[in-house]
Amino acid sequence: WRRIAKFHSPSEILIFKQTSRLGQQVTANLLSGRIAIAAGRMAFIFDTETNKLLHILEGHTDNIWCCKFSKDGRRVVTASEDNTAKIWDMLTGRLLLTLSGHTHSV
C-alpha cells in the first residue's frame, strides 16, 4: 500500500492508501461519514470517524472506473469496464441492482 489521498475531517487528517490495482477512484460523502475507494474490481467503504473498513464491494468482473455516492449517502454506484453499473446499500454493503446491457465501458 502507498498513500493515495488525504481528507480533512473535523478531528484529523485521514490518510488512505492504494494498492497496485488499476482503476483507482476515490469519492467522499461527508454527510454520511463514508469514503469509497475503488481499486481494480472492488470498492472499499471506510468510516471517516474511525478510519475503519466497513464494506468490501465485490461483483464487478473488470476494473471499476467510477464510484459516486447518492446525495443522502445511503447508496453508492460503481461503474466498470465490465459494461455494468452497480448500486450498493451503504448500511449493509449489499448489492441492490446491476445495470447491464451497455456495449462499452460504463
PDB file of N, CA and C in Angstrom:
ATOM      1  N   TRP A   1       0.842  -1.191   0.000  1.00  0.00           N
ATOM      2  CA  TRP A   1       0.000   0.000   0.000  1.00  0.00           C
ATOM      3  C   TRP A   1       0.878   1.241   0.000  1.00  0.00           C
ATOM      4  N   ARG A   2       0.443   2.263  -0.740  1.00  0.00           N
ATOM      5  CA  ARG A   2       1.082   3.569  -0.744  1.00  0.00           C
ATOM      6  C   ARG A   2       0.008   4.628  -0.496  1.00  0.00           C
ATOM      7  N   ARG A   3       0.427   5.779  -0.041  1.00  0.00           N
ATOM      8  CA  ARG A   3      -0.524   6.849   0.232  1.00  0.00           C
ATOM      9  C   ARG A   3      -1.196   7.294  -1.061  1.00  0.00           C
ATOM     10  N   ILE A   4      -2.517   7.437  -1.033  1.00  0.00           N
ATOM     11  CA  ILE A   4      -3.229   7.906  -2.221  1.00  0.00           C
ATOM     12  C   ILE A   4      -3.856   9.280  -1.993  1.00  0.00           C
ATOM     13  N   ALA A   5      -4.373   9.545  -0.805  1.00  0.00           N
ATOM     14  CA  ALA A   5      -5.081  10.803  -0.609  1.00  0.00           C
ATOM     15  C   ALA A   5      -5.153  11.155   0.864  1.00  0.00           C
ATOM     16  N   LYS A   6      -5.324  12.447   1.115  1.00  0.00           N
ATOM     17  CA  LYS A   6      -5.576  12.927   2.467  1.00  0.00           C
ATOM     18  C   LYS A   6      -6.909  13.658   2.456  1.00  0.00           C
ATOM     19  N   PHE A   7      -7.738  13.391   3.450  1.00  0.00           N
ATOM     20  CA  PHE A   7      -9.005  14.080   3.603  1.00  0.00           C
ATOM     21  C   PHE A   7      -9.010  14.732   4.973  1.00  0.00           C
ATOM     22  N   HIS A   8      -9.507  15.947   5.042  1.00  0.00           N
ATOM     23  CA  HIS A   8      -9.600  16.641   6.324  1.00  0.00           C
ATOM     24  C   HIS A   8     -10.971  16.376   6.932  1.00  0.00           C
ATOM     25  N   SER A   9     -10.974  15.926   8.158  1.00  0.00           N
ATOM     26  CA  SER A   9     -12.219  15.766   8.899  1.00  0.00           C
ATOM     27  C   SER A   9     -12.150  16.752  10.062  1.00  0.00           C
ATOM     28  N   PRO A  10     -13.237  16.946  10.798  1.00  0.00           N
ATOM     29  CA  PRO A  10     -13.190  17.897  11.904  1.00  0.00           C
ATOM     30  C   PRO A  10     -12.117  17.574  12.942  1.00  0.00           C
ATOM     31  N   SER A  11     -11.758  16.313  13.085  1.00  0.00           N
ATOM     32  CA  SER A  11     -10.839  15.946  14.154  1.00  0.00           C
ATOM     33  C   SER A  11      -9.413  15.678  13.698  1.00  0.00           C
ATOM     34  N   GLU A  12      -9.203  15.351  12.424  1.00  0.00           N
ATOM     35  CA  GLU A  12      -7.864  14.970  11.999  1.00  0.00           C
ATOM     36  C   GLU A  12      -7.774  14.880  10.489  1.00  0.00           C
ATOM     37  N   ILE A  13      -6.596  14.590  10.025  1.00  0.00           N
ATOM     38  CA  ILE A  13      -6.391  14.310   8.611  1.00  0.00           C
ATOM     39  C   ILE A  13      -6.438  12.806   8.429  1.00  0.00           C
ATOM     40  N   LEU A  14      -7.245  12.346   7.494  1.00  0.00           N
ATOM     41  CA  LEU A  14      -7.359  10.920   7.212  1.00  0.00           C
ATOM     42  C   LEU A  14      -6.453  10.582   6.042  1.00  0.00           C
ATOM     43  N   ILE A  15      -5.667   9.549   6.182  1.00  0.00           N
ATOM     44  CA  ILE A  15      -4.785   9.123   5.105  1.00  0.00           C
ATOM     45  C   ILE A  15      -5.219   7.740   4.661  1.00  0.00           C
ATOM     46  N   PHE A  16      -5.592   7.627   3.401  1.00  0.00           N
ATOM     47  CA  PHE A  16      -5.969   6.348   2.825  1.00  0.00           C
ATOM     48  C   PHE A  16      -4.907   5.952   1.819  1.00  0.00           C
ATOM     49  N   LYS A  17      -4.776   4.694   1.613  1.00  0.00           N
ATOM     50  CA  LYS A  17      -3.691   4.190   0.794  1.00  0.00           C
ATOM     51  C   LYS A  17      -4.222   3.399  -0.380  1.00  0.00           C
ATOM     52  N   GLN A  18      -3.377   3.187  -1.376  1.00  0.00           N
ATOM     53  CA  GLN A  18      -3.794   2.456  -2.569  1.00  0.00           C
ATOM     54  C   GLN A  18      -3.045   1.155  -2.713  1.00  0.00           C
ATOM     55  N   THR A  19      -3.638   0.276  -3.471  1.00  0.00           N
ATOM     56  CA  THR A  19      -2.971  -0.964  -3.841  1.00  0.00           C
ATOM     57  C   THR A  19      -2.363  -0.762  -5.218  1.00  0.00           C
ATOM     58  N   SER A  20      -1.752  -1.779  -5.737  1.00  0.00           N
ATOM     59  CA  SER A  20      -1.188  -1.692  -7.079  1.00  0.00           C
ATOM     60  C   SER A  20      -2.237  -1.980  -8.146  1.00  0.00           C
ATOM     61  N   ARG A  21      -3.483  -2.170  -7.759  1.00  0.00           N
ATOM     62  CA  ARG A  21      -4.547  -2.477  -8.716  1.00  0.00           C
ATOM     63  C   ARG A  21      -4.860  -1.273  -9.596  1.00  0.00           C
ATOM     64  N   LEU A  22      -5.390  -1.546 -10.765  1.00  0.00           N
ATOM     65  CA  LEU A  22      -5.779  -0.489 -11.691  1.00  0.00           C
ATOM     66  C   LEU A  22      -7.146   0.063 -11.340  1.00  0.00           C
ATOM     67  N   GLY A  23      -7.443   1.244 -11.855  1.00  0.00           N
ATOM     68  CA  GLY A  23      -8.782   1.802 -11.752  1.00  0.00           C
ATOM     69  C   GLY A  23      -9.075   2.516 -10.456  1.00  0.00           C
ATOM     70  N   GLN A  24      -8.086   3.106  -9.814  1.00  0.00           N
ATOM     71  CA  GLN A  24      -8.331   3.779  -8.545  1.00  0.00           C
ATOM     72  C   GLN A  24      -9.253   4.982  -8.732  1.00  0.00           C
ATOM     73  N   GLN A  25     -10.235   5.071  -7.855  1.00  0.00           N
ATOM     74  CA  GLN A  25     -11.192   6.170  -7.841  1.00  0.00           C
ATOM     75  C   GLN A  25     -11.556   6.404  -6.384  1.00  0.00           C
ATOM     76  N   VAL A  26     -11.566   7.648  -5.958  1.00  0.00           N
ATOM     77  CA  VAL A  26     -11.902   7.979  -4.574  1.00  0.00           C
ATOM     78  C   VAL A  26     -13.061   8.964  -4.582  1.00  0.00           C
ATOM     79  N   THR A  27     -14.054   8.716  -3.745  1.00  0.00           N
ATOM     80  CA  THR A  27     -15.157   9.650  -3.582  1.00  0.00           C
ATOM     81  C   THR A  27     -15.544   9.689  -2.104  1.00  0.00           C
ATOM     82  N   ALA A  28     -15.971  10.843  -1.647  1.00  0.00           N
ATOM     83  CA  ALA A  28     -16.326  11.001  -0.237  1.00  0.00           C
ATOM     84  C   ALA A  28     -17.734  11.558  -0.112  1.00  0.00           C
ATOM     85  N   ASN A  29     -18.426  11.148   0.940  1.00  0.00           N
ATOM     86  CA  ASN A  29     -19.703  11.722   1.306  1.00  0.00           C
ATOM     87  C   ASN A  29     -19.604  12.047   2.788  1.00  0.00           C
ATOM     88  N   LEU A  30     -19.244  13.284   3.076  1.00  0.00           N
ATOM     89  CA  LEU A  30     -19.012  13.658   4.468  1.00  0.00           C
ATOM     90  C   LEU A  30     -20.304  13.724   5.267  1.00  0.00           C
ATOM     91  N   LEU A  31     -21.449  13.892   4.596  1.00  0.00           N
ATOM     92  CA  LEU A  31     -22.738  13.864   5.287  1.00  0.00           C
ATOM     93  C   LEU A  31     -22.959  12.511   5.951  1.00  0.00           C
ATOM     94  N   SER A  32     -22.629  11.444   5.233  1.00  0.00           N
ATOM     95  CA  SER A  32     -22.797  10.095   5.787  1.00  0.00           C
ATOM     96  C   SER A  32     -21.543   9.609   6.503  1.00  0.00           C
ATOM     97  N   GLY A  33     -20.435  10.346   6.372  1.00  0.00           N
ATOM     98  CA  GLY A  33     -19.197   9.931   7.019  1.00  0.00           C
ATOM     99  C   GLY A  33     -18.550   8.729   6.361  1.00  0.00           C
ATOM    100  N   ARG A  34     -18.671   8.637   5.047  1.00  0.00           N
ATOM    101  CA  ARG A  34     -18.127   7.496   4.313  1.00  0.00           C
ATOM    102  C   ARG A  34     -17.199   7.949   3.191  1.00  0.00           C
ATOM    103  N   ILE A  35     -16.198   7.135   2.922  1.00  0.00           N
ATOM    104  CA  ILE A  35     -15.311   7.316   1.778  1.00  0.00           C
ATOM    105  C   ILE A  35     -15.296   6.001   1.017  1.00  0.00           C
ATOM    106  N   ALA A  36     -15.429   6.084  -0.303  1.00  0.00           N
ATOM    107  CA  ALA A  36     -15.357   4.900  -1.164  1.00  0.00           C
ATOM    108  C   ALA A  36     -14.087   4.988  -1.992  1.00  0.00           C
ATOM    109  N   ILE A  37     -13.328   3.909  -1.991  1.00  0.00           N
ATOM    110  CA  ILE A  37     -12.114   3.820  -2.798  1.00  0.00           C
ATOM    111  C   ILE A  37     -12.251   2.597  -3.692  1.00  0.00           C
ATOM    112  N   ALA A  38     -12.267   2.835  -5.003  1.00  0.00           N
ATOM    113  CA  ALA A  38     -12.333   1.733  -5.964  1.00  0.00           C
ATOM    114  C   ALA A  38     -10.917   1.387  -6.383  1.00  0.00           C
ATOM    115  N   ALA A  39     -10.617   0.102  -6.374  1.00  0.00           N
ATOM    116  CA  ALA A  39      -9.295  -0.386  -6.785  1.00  0.00           C
ATOM    117  C   ALA A  39      -9.497  -1.717  -7.488  1.00  0.00           C
ATOM    118  N   GLY A  40      -9.191  -1.739  -8.760  1.00  0.00           N
ATOM    119  CA  GLY A  40      -9.403  -2.964  -9.518  1.00  0.00           C
ATOM    120  C   GLY A  40     -10.876  -3.265  -9.634  1.00  0.00           C
ATOM    121  N   ARG A  41     -11.273  -4.465  -9.293  1.00  0.00           N
ATOM    122  CA  ARG A  41     -12.660  -4.922  -9.431  1.00  0.00           C
ATOM    123  C   ARG A  41     -13.489  -4.724  -8.167  1.00  0.00           C
ATOM    124  N   MET A  42     -12.900  -4.129  -7.134  1.00  0.00           N
ATOM    125  CA  MET A  42     -13.590  -3.971  -5.854  1.00  0.00           C
ATOM    126  C   MET A  42     -13.615  -2.510  -5.431  1.00  0.00           C
ATOM    127  N   ALA A  43     -14.557  -2.187  -4.551  1.00  0.00           N
ATOM    128  CA  ALA A  43     -14.597  -0.878  -3.909  1.00  0.00           C
ATOM    129  C   ALA A  43     -14.585  -1.108  -2.401  1.00  0.00           C
ATOM    130  N   PHE A  44     -13.923  -0.221  -1.694  1.00  0.00           N
ATOM    131  CA  PHE A  44     -13.762  -0.327  -0.249  1.00  0.00           C
ATOM    132  C   PHE A  44     -14.435   0.878   0.387  1.00  0.00           C
ATOM    133  N   ILE A  45     -15.284   0.638   1.378  1.00  0.00           N
ATOM    134  CA  ILE A  45     -16.008   1.705   2.057  1.00  0.00           C
ATOM    135  C   ILE A  45     -15.426   1.872   3.454  1.00  0.00           C
ATOM    136  N   PHE A  46     -14.996   3.101   3.765  1.00  0.00           N
ATOM    137  CA  PHE A  46     -14.400   3.419   5.058  1.00  0.00           C
ATOM    138  C   PHE A  46     -15.269   4.414   5.808  1.00  0.00           C
ATOM    139  N   ASP A  47     -15.249   4.329   7.130  1.00  0.00           N
ATOM    140  CA  ASP A  47     -15.881   5.299   8.018  1.00  0.00           C
ATOM    141  C   ASP A  47     -14.874   6.417   8.271  1.00  0.00           C
ATOM    142  N   THR A  48     -15.278   7.684   8.066  1.00  0.00           N
ATOM    143  CA  THR A  48     -14.340   8.793   8.240  1.00  0.00           C
ATOM    144  C   THR A  48     -14.052   9.117   9.701  1.00  0.00           C
ATOM    145  N   GLU A  49     -14.913   8.702  10.612  1.00  0.00           N
ATOM    146  CA  GLU A  49     -14.673   8.960  12.035  1.00  0.00           C
ATOM    147  C   GLU A  49     -13.670   7.980  12.630  1.00  0.00           C
ATOM    148  N   THR A  50     -13.801   6.710  12.270  1.00  0.00           N
ATOM    149  CA  THR A  50     -12.957   5.672  12.872  1.00  0.00           C
ATOM    150  C   THR A  50     -11.838   5.191  11.956  1.00  0.00           C
ATOM    151  N   ASN A  51     -11.907   5.571  10.669  1.00  0.00           N
ATOM    152  CA  ASN A  51     -10.967   5.089   9.638  1.00  0.00           C
ATOM    153  C   ASN A  51     -11.085   3.584   9.405  1.00  0.00           C
ATOM    154  N   LYS A  52     -12.133   2.954   9.908  1.00  0.00           N
ATOM    155  CA  LYS A  52     -12.285   1.503   9.760  1.00  0.00           C
ATOM    156  C   LYS A  52     -12.925   1.147   8.422  1.00  0.00           C
ATOM    157  N   LEU A  53     -12.487   0.013   7.891  1.00  0.00           N
ATOM    158  CA  LEU A  53     -13.088  -0.548   6.694  1.00  0.00           C
ATOM    159  C   LEU A  53     -14.446  -1.131   7.064  1.00  0.00           C
ATOM    160  N   LEU A  54     -15.511  -0.647   6.421  1.00  0.00           N
ATOM    161  CA  LEU A  54     -16.862  -1.115   6.716  1.00  0.00           C
ATOM    162  C   LEU A  54     -17.321  -2.212   5.767  1.00  0.00           C
ATOM    163  N   HIS A  55     -17.045  -2.023   4.476  1.00  0.00           N
ATOM    164  CA  HIS A  55     -17.529  -2.970   3.475  1.00  0.00           C
ATOM    165  C   HIS A  55     -16.516  -3.105   2.349  1.00  0.00           C
ATOM    166  N   ILE A  56     -16.461  -4.290   1.773  1.00  0.00           N
ATOM    167  CA  ILE A  56     -15.758  -4.521   0.518  1.00  0.00           C
ATOM    168  C   ILE A  56     -16.831  -4.885  -0.492  1.00  0.00           C
ATOM    169  N   LEU A  57     -16.956  -4.071  -1.531  1.00  0.00           N
ATOM    170  CA  LEU A  57     -17.979  -4.287  -2.547  1.00  0.00           C
ATOM    171  C   LEU A  57     -17.375  -5.086  -3.688  1.00  0.00           C
ATOM    172  N   GLU A  58     -17.833  -6.324  -3.820  1.00  0.00           N
ATOM    173  CA  GLU A  58     -17.312  -7.225  -4.849  1.00  0.00           C
ATOM    174  C   GLU A  58     -18.437  -7.645  -5.778  1.00  0.00           C
ATOM    175  N   GLY A  59     -18.140  -7.757  -7.067  1.00  0.00           N
ATOM    176  CA  GLY A  59     -19.144  -8.197  -8.019  1.00  0.00           C
ATOM    177  C   GLY A  59     -18.806  -7.833  -9.449  1.00  0.00           C
ATOM    178  N   HIS A  60     -17.974  -6.821  -9.640  1.00  0.00           N
ATOM    179  CA  HIS A  60     -17.558  -6.465 -10.996  1.00  0.00           C
ATOM    180  C   HIS A  60     -16.540  -7.486 -11.497  1.00  0.00           C
ATOM    181  N   THR A  61     -16.524  -7.687 -12.806  1.00  0.00           N
ATOM    182  CA  THR A  61     -15.581  -8.630 -13.409  1.00  0.00           C
ATOM    183  C   THR A  61     -14.441  -7.926 -14.131  1.00  0.00           C
ATOM    184  N   ASP A  62     -14.408  -6.589 -14.058  1.00  0.00           N
ATOM    185  CA  ASP A  62     -13.313  -5.813 -14.634  1.00  0.00           C
ATOM    186  C   ASP A  62     -13.145  -4.548 -13.794  1.00  0.00           C
ATOM    187  N   ASN A  63     -12.167  -3.724 -14.130  1.00  0.00           N
ATOM    188  CA  ASN A  63     -11.830  -2.550 -13.328  1.00  0.00           C
ATOM    189  C   ASN A  63     -12.998  -1.584 -13.166  1.00  0.00           C
ATOM    190  N   ILE A  64     -13.130  -1.053 -11.950  1.00  0.00           N
ATOM    191  CA  ILE A  64     -14.100  -0.002 -11.659  1.00  0.00           C
ATOM    192  C   ILE A  64     -13.432   1.324 -12.002  1.00  0.00           C
ATOM    193  N   TRP A  65     -14.098   2.122 -12.827  1.00  0.00           N
ATOM    194  CA  TRP A  65     -13.533   3.405 -13.243  1.00  0.00           C
ATOM    195  C   TRP A  65     -14.205   4.582 -12.572  1.00  0.00           C
ATOM    196  N   CYS A  66     -15.340   4.365 -11.913  1.00  0.00           N
ATOM    197  CA  CYS A  66     -16.037   5.479 -11.280  1.00  0.00           C
ATOM    198  C   CYS A  66     -16.866   4.960 -10.115  1.00  0.00           C
ATOM    199  N   CYS A  67     -16.928   5.729  -9.051  1.00  0.00           N
ATOM    200  CA  CYS A  67     -17.855   5.439  -7.954  1.00  0.00           C
ATOM    201  C   CYS A  67     -18.349   6.768  -7.401  1.00  0.00           C
ATOM    202  N   LYS A  68     -19.645   6.845  -7.129  1.00  0.00           N
ATOM    203  CA  LYS A  68     -20.271   8.071  -6.635  1.00  0.00           C
ATOM    204  C   LYS A  68     -21.343   7.726  -5.614  1.00  0.00           C
ATOM    205  N   PHE A  69     -21.453   8.562  -4.581  1.00  0.00           N
ATOM    206  CA  PHE A  69     -22.494   8.408  -3.569  1.00  0.00           C
ATOM    207  C   PHE A  69     -23.773   9.104  -4.011  1.00  0.00           C
ATOM    208  N   SER A  70     -24.908   8.595  -3.533  1.00  0.00           N
ATOM    209  CA  SER A  70     -26.162   9.327  -3.684  1.00  0.00           C
ATOM    210  C   SER A  70     -26.085  10.555  -2.782  1.00  0.00           C
ATOM    211  N   LYS A  71     -26.942  11.532  -3.026  1.00  0.00           N
ATOM    212  CA  LYS A  71     -26.898  12.772  -2.241  1.00  0.00           C
ATOM    213  C   LYS A  71     -27.075  12.529  -0.751  1.00  0.00           C
ATOM    214  N   ASP A  72     -27.916  11.561  -0.394  1.00  0.00           N
ATOM    215  CA  ASP A  72     -28.153  11.286   1.024  1.00  0.00           C
ATOM    216  C   ASP A  72     -27.123  10.332   1.625  1.00  0.00           C
ATOM    217  N   GLY A  73     -26.208   9.809   0.792  1.00  0.00           N
ATOM    218  CA  GLY A  73     -25.149   8.934   1.287  1.00  0.00           C
ATOM    219  C   GLY A  73     -25.589   7.516   1.599  1.00  0.00           C
ATOM    220  N   ARG A  74     -26.824   7.163   1.279  1.00  0.00           N
ATOM    221  CA  ARG A  74     -27.332   5.824   1.607  1.00  0.00           C
ATOM    222  C   ARG A  74     -26.958   4.770   0.575  1.00  0.00           C
ATOM    223  N   ARG A  75     -26.558   5.229  -0.611  1.00  0.00           N
ATOM    224  CA  ARG A  75     -26.177   4.299  -1.682  1.00  0.00           C
ATOM    225  C   ARG A  75     -24.923   4.803  -2.374  1.00  0.00           C
ATOM    226  N   VAL A  76     -24.238   3.873  -3.022  1.00  0.00           N
ATOM    227  CA  VAL A  76     -23.105   4.242  -3.870  1.00  0.00           C
ATOM    228  C   VAL A  76     -23.246   3.457  -5.163  1.00  0.00           C
ATOM    229  N   VAL A  77     -22.890   4.088  -6.270  1.00  0.00           N
ATOM    230  CA  VAL A  77     -22.913   3.411  -7.563  1.00  0.00           C
ATOM    231  C   VAL A  77     -21.474   3.244  -8.035  1.00  0.00           C
ATOM    232  N   THR A  78     -21.171   2.073  -8.573  1.00  0.00           N
ATOM    233  CA  THR A  78     -19.865   1.806  -9.168  1.00  0.00           C
ATOM    234  C   THR A  78     -20.084   1.510 -10.646  1.00  0.00           C
ATOM    235  N   ALA A  79     -19.194   2.027 -11.487  1.00  0.00           N
ATOM    236  CA  ALA A  79     -19.276   1.803 -12.930  1.00  0.00           C
ATOM    237  C   ALA A  79     -17.963   1.193 -13.387  1.00  0.00           C
ATOM    238  N   SER A  80     -18.071   0.205 -14.269  1.00  0.00           N
ATOM    239  CA  SER A  80     -16.914  -0.624 -14.571  1.00  0.00           C
ATOM    240  C   SER A  80     -16.687  -0.831 -16.062  1.00  0.00           C
ATOM    241  N   GLU A  81     -15.469  -1.253 -16.336  1.00  0.00           N
ATOM    242  CA  GLU A  81     -15.091  -1.647 -17.685  1.00  0.00           C
ATOM    243  C   GLU A  81     -15.793  -2.946 -18.097  1.00  0.00           C
ATOM    244  N   ASP A  82     -16.463  -3.605 -17.152  1.00  0.00           N
ATOM    245  CA  ASP A  82     -17.214  -4.826 -17.483  1.00  0.00           C
ATOM    246  C   ASP A  82     -18.586  -4.518 -18.095  1.00  0.00           C
ATOM    247  N   ASN A  83     -18.812  -3.243 -18.428  1.00  0.00           N
ATOM    248  CA  ASN A  83     -20.043  -2.766 -19.083  1.00  0.00           C
ATOM    249  C   ASN A  83     -21.254  -2.753 -18.154  1.00  0.00           C
ATOM    250  N   THR A  84     -21.024  -2.706 -16.846  1.00  0.00           N
ATOM    251  CA  THR A  84     -22.133  -2.639 -15.893  1.00  0.00           C
ATOM    252  C   THR A  84     -21.935  -1.487 -14.917  1.00  0.00           C
ATOM    253  N   ALA A  85     -23.045  -1.071 -14.328  1.00  0.00           N
ATOM    254  CA  ALA A  85     -23.044  -0.177 -13.175  1.00  0.00           C
ATOM    255  C   ALA A  85     -23.784  -0.926 -12.072  1.00  0.00           C
ATOM    256  N   LYS A  86     -23.307  -0.791 -10.846  1.00  0.00           N
ATOM    257  CA  LYS A  86     -23.925  -1.493  -9.722  1.00  0.00           C
ATOM    258  C   LYS A  86     -24.266  -0.484  -8.631  1.00  0.00           C
ATOM    259  N   ILE A  87     -25.425  -0.663  -8.029  1.00  0.00           N
ATOM    260  CA  ILE A  87     -25.879   0.204  -6.942  1.00  0.00           C
ATOM    261  C   ILE A  87     -25.841  -0.610  -5.658  1.00  0.00           C
ATOM    262  N   TRP A  88     -25.194  -0.036  -4.632  1.00  0.00           N
ATOM    263  CA  TRP A  88     -24.948  -0.736  -3.369  1.00  0.00           C
ATOM    264  C   TRP A  88     -25.590   0.024  -2.209  1.00  0.00           C
ATOM    265  N   ASP A  89     -26.048  -0.716  -1.216  1.00  0.00           N
ATOM    266  CA  ASP A  89     -26.580  -0.153   0.024  1.00  0.00           C
ATOM    267  C   ASP A  89     -25.416   0.116   0.973  1.00  0.00           C
ATOM    268  N   MET A  90     -25.307   1.330   1.492  1.00  0.00           N
ATOM    269  CA  MET A  90     -24.169   1.666   2.348  1.00  0.00           C
ATOM    270  C   MET A  90     -24.328   1.185   3.779  1.00  0.00           C
ATOM    271  N   LEU A  91     -25.532   0.920   4.221  1.00  0.00           N
ATOM    272  CA  LEU A  91     -25.729   0.402   5.573  1.00  0.00           C
ATOM    273  C   LEU A  91     -25.253  -1.040   5.675  1.00  0.00           C
ATOM    274  N   THR A  92     -25.564  -1.836   4.654  1.00  0.00           N
ATOM    275  CA  THR A  92     -25.255  -3.264   4.702  1.00  0.00           C
ATOM    276  C   THR A  92     -24.105  -3.683   3.791  1.00  0.00           C
ATOM    277  N   GLY A  93     -23.794  -2.862   2.774  1.00  0.00           N
ATOM    278  CA  GLY A  93     -22.798  -3.243   1.774  1.00  0.00           C
ATOM    279  C   GLY A  93     -23.358  -4.187   0.728  1.00  0.00           C
ATOM    280  N   ARG A  94     -24.660  -4.409   0.764  1.00  0.00           N
ATOM    281  CA  ARG A  94     -25.321  -5.361  -0.139  1.00  0.00           C
ATOM    282  C   ARG A  94     -25.558  -4.744  -1.517  1.00  0.00           C
ATOM    283  N   LEU A  95     -25.377  -5.560  -2.549  1.00  0.00           N
ATOM    284  CA  LEU A  95     -25.677  -5.152  -3.916  1.00  0.00           C
ATOM    285  C   LEU A  95     -27.188  -5.055  -4.081  1.00  0.00           C
ATOM    286  N   LEU A  96     -27.675  -3.892  -4.528  1.00  0.00           N
ATOM    287  CA  LEU A  96     -29.109  -3.686  -4.715  1.00  0.00           C
ATOM    288  C   LEU A  96     -29.552  -3.916  -6.153  1.00  0.00           C
ATOM    289  N   LEU A  97     -28.719  -3.490  -7.116  1.00  0.00           N
ATOM    290  CA  LEU A  97     -29.136  -3.537  -8.510  1.00  0.00           C
ATOM    291  C   LEU A  97     -27.921  -3.528  -9.418  1.00  0.00           C
ATOM    292  N   THR A  98     -27.958  -4.333 -10.475  1.00  0.00           N
ATOM    293  CA  THR A  98     -26.940  -4.304 -11.522  1.00  0.00           C
ATOM    294  C   THR A  98     -27.588  -3.800 -12.796  1.00  0.00           C
ATOM    295  N   LEU A  99     -27.023  -2.750 -13.360  1.00  0.00           N
ATOM    296  CA  LEU A  99     -27.495  -2.193 -14.623  1.00  0.00           C
ATOM    297  C   LEU A  99     -26.583  -2.714 -15.717  1.00  0.00           C
ATOM    298  N   SER A 100     -27.130  -3.524 -16.609  1.00  0.00           N
ATOM    299  CA  SER A 100     -26.321  -4.142 -17.657  1.00  0.00           C
ATOM    300  C   SER A 100     -26.939  -3.861 -19.018  1.00  0.00           C
ATOM    301  N   GLY A 101     -26.287  -4.347 -20.059  1.00  0.00           N
ATOM    302  CA  GLY A 101     -26.785  -4.144 -21.403  1.00  0.00           C
ATOM    303  C   GLY A 101     -26.005  -3.102 -22.177  1.00  0.00           C
ATOM    304  N   HIS A 102     -25.053  -2.465 -21.524  1.00  0.00           N
ATOM    305  CA  HIS A 102     -24.208  -1.493 -22.220  1.00  0.00           C
ATOM    306  C   HIS A 102     -23.259  -2.231 -23.155  1.00  0.00           C
ATOM    307  N   THR A 103     -22.900  -1.600 -24.244  1.00  0.00           N
ATOM    308  CA  THR A 103     -21.985  -2.237 -25.197  1.00  0.00           C
ATOM    309  C   THR A 103     -20.548  -1.777 -25.024  1.00  0.00           C
ATOM    310  N   HIS A 104     -20.321  -0.829 -24.122  1.00  0.00           N
ATOM    311  CA  HIS A 104     -18.976  -0.324 -23.843  1.00  0.00           C
ATOM    312  C   HIS A 104     -18.826  -0.134 -22.341  1.00  0.00           C
ATOM    313  N   SER A 105     -17.632   0.240 -21.933  1.00  0.00           N
ATOM    314  CA  SER A 105     -17.385   0.527 -20.514  1.00  0.00           C
ATOM    315  C   SER A 105     -18.355   1.587 -20.023  1.00  0.00           C
ATOM    316  N   VAL A 106     -18.718   1.493 -18.768  1.00  0.00           N
ATOM    317  CA  VAL A 106     -19.632   2.463 -18.168  1.00  0.00           C
ATOM    318  C   VAL A 106     -18.814   3.465 -17.389  1.00  0.00           C
TER     319      VAL A 106
END
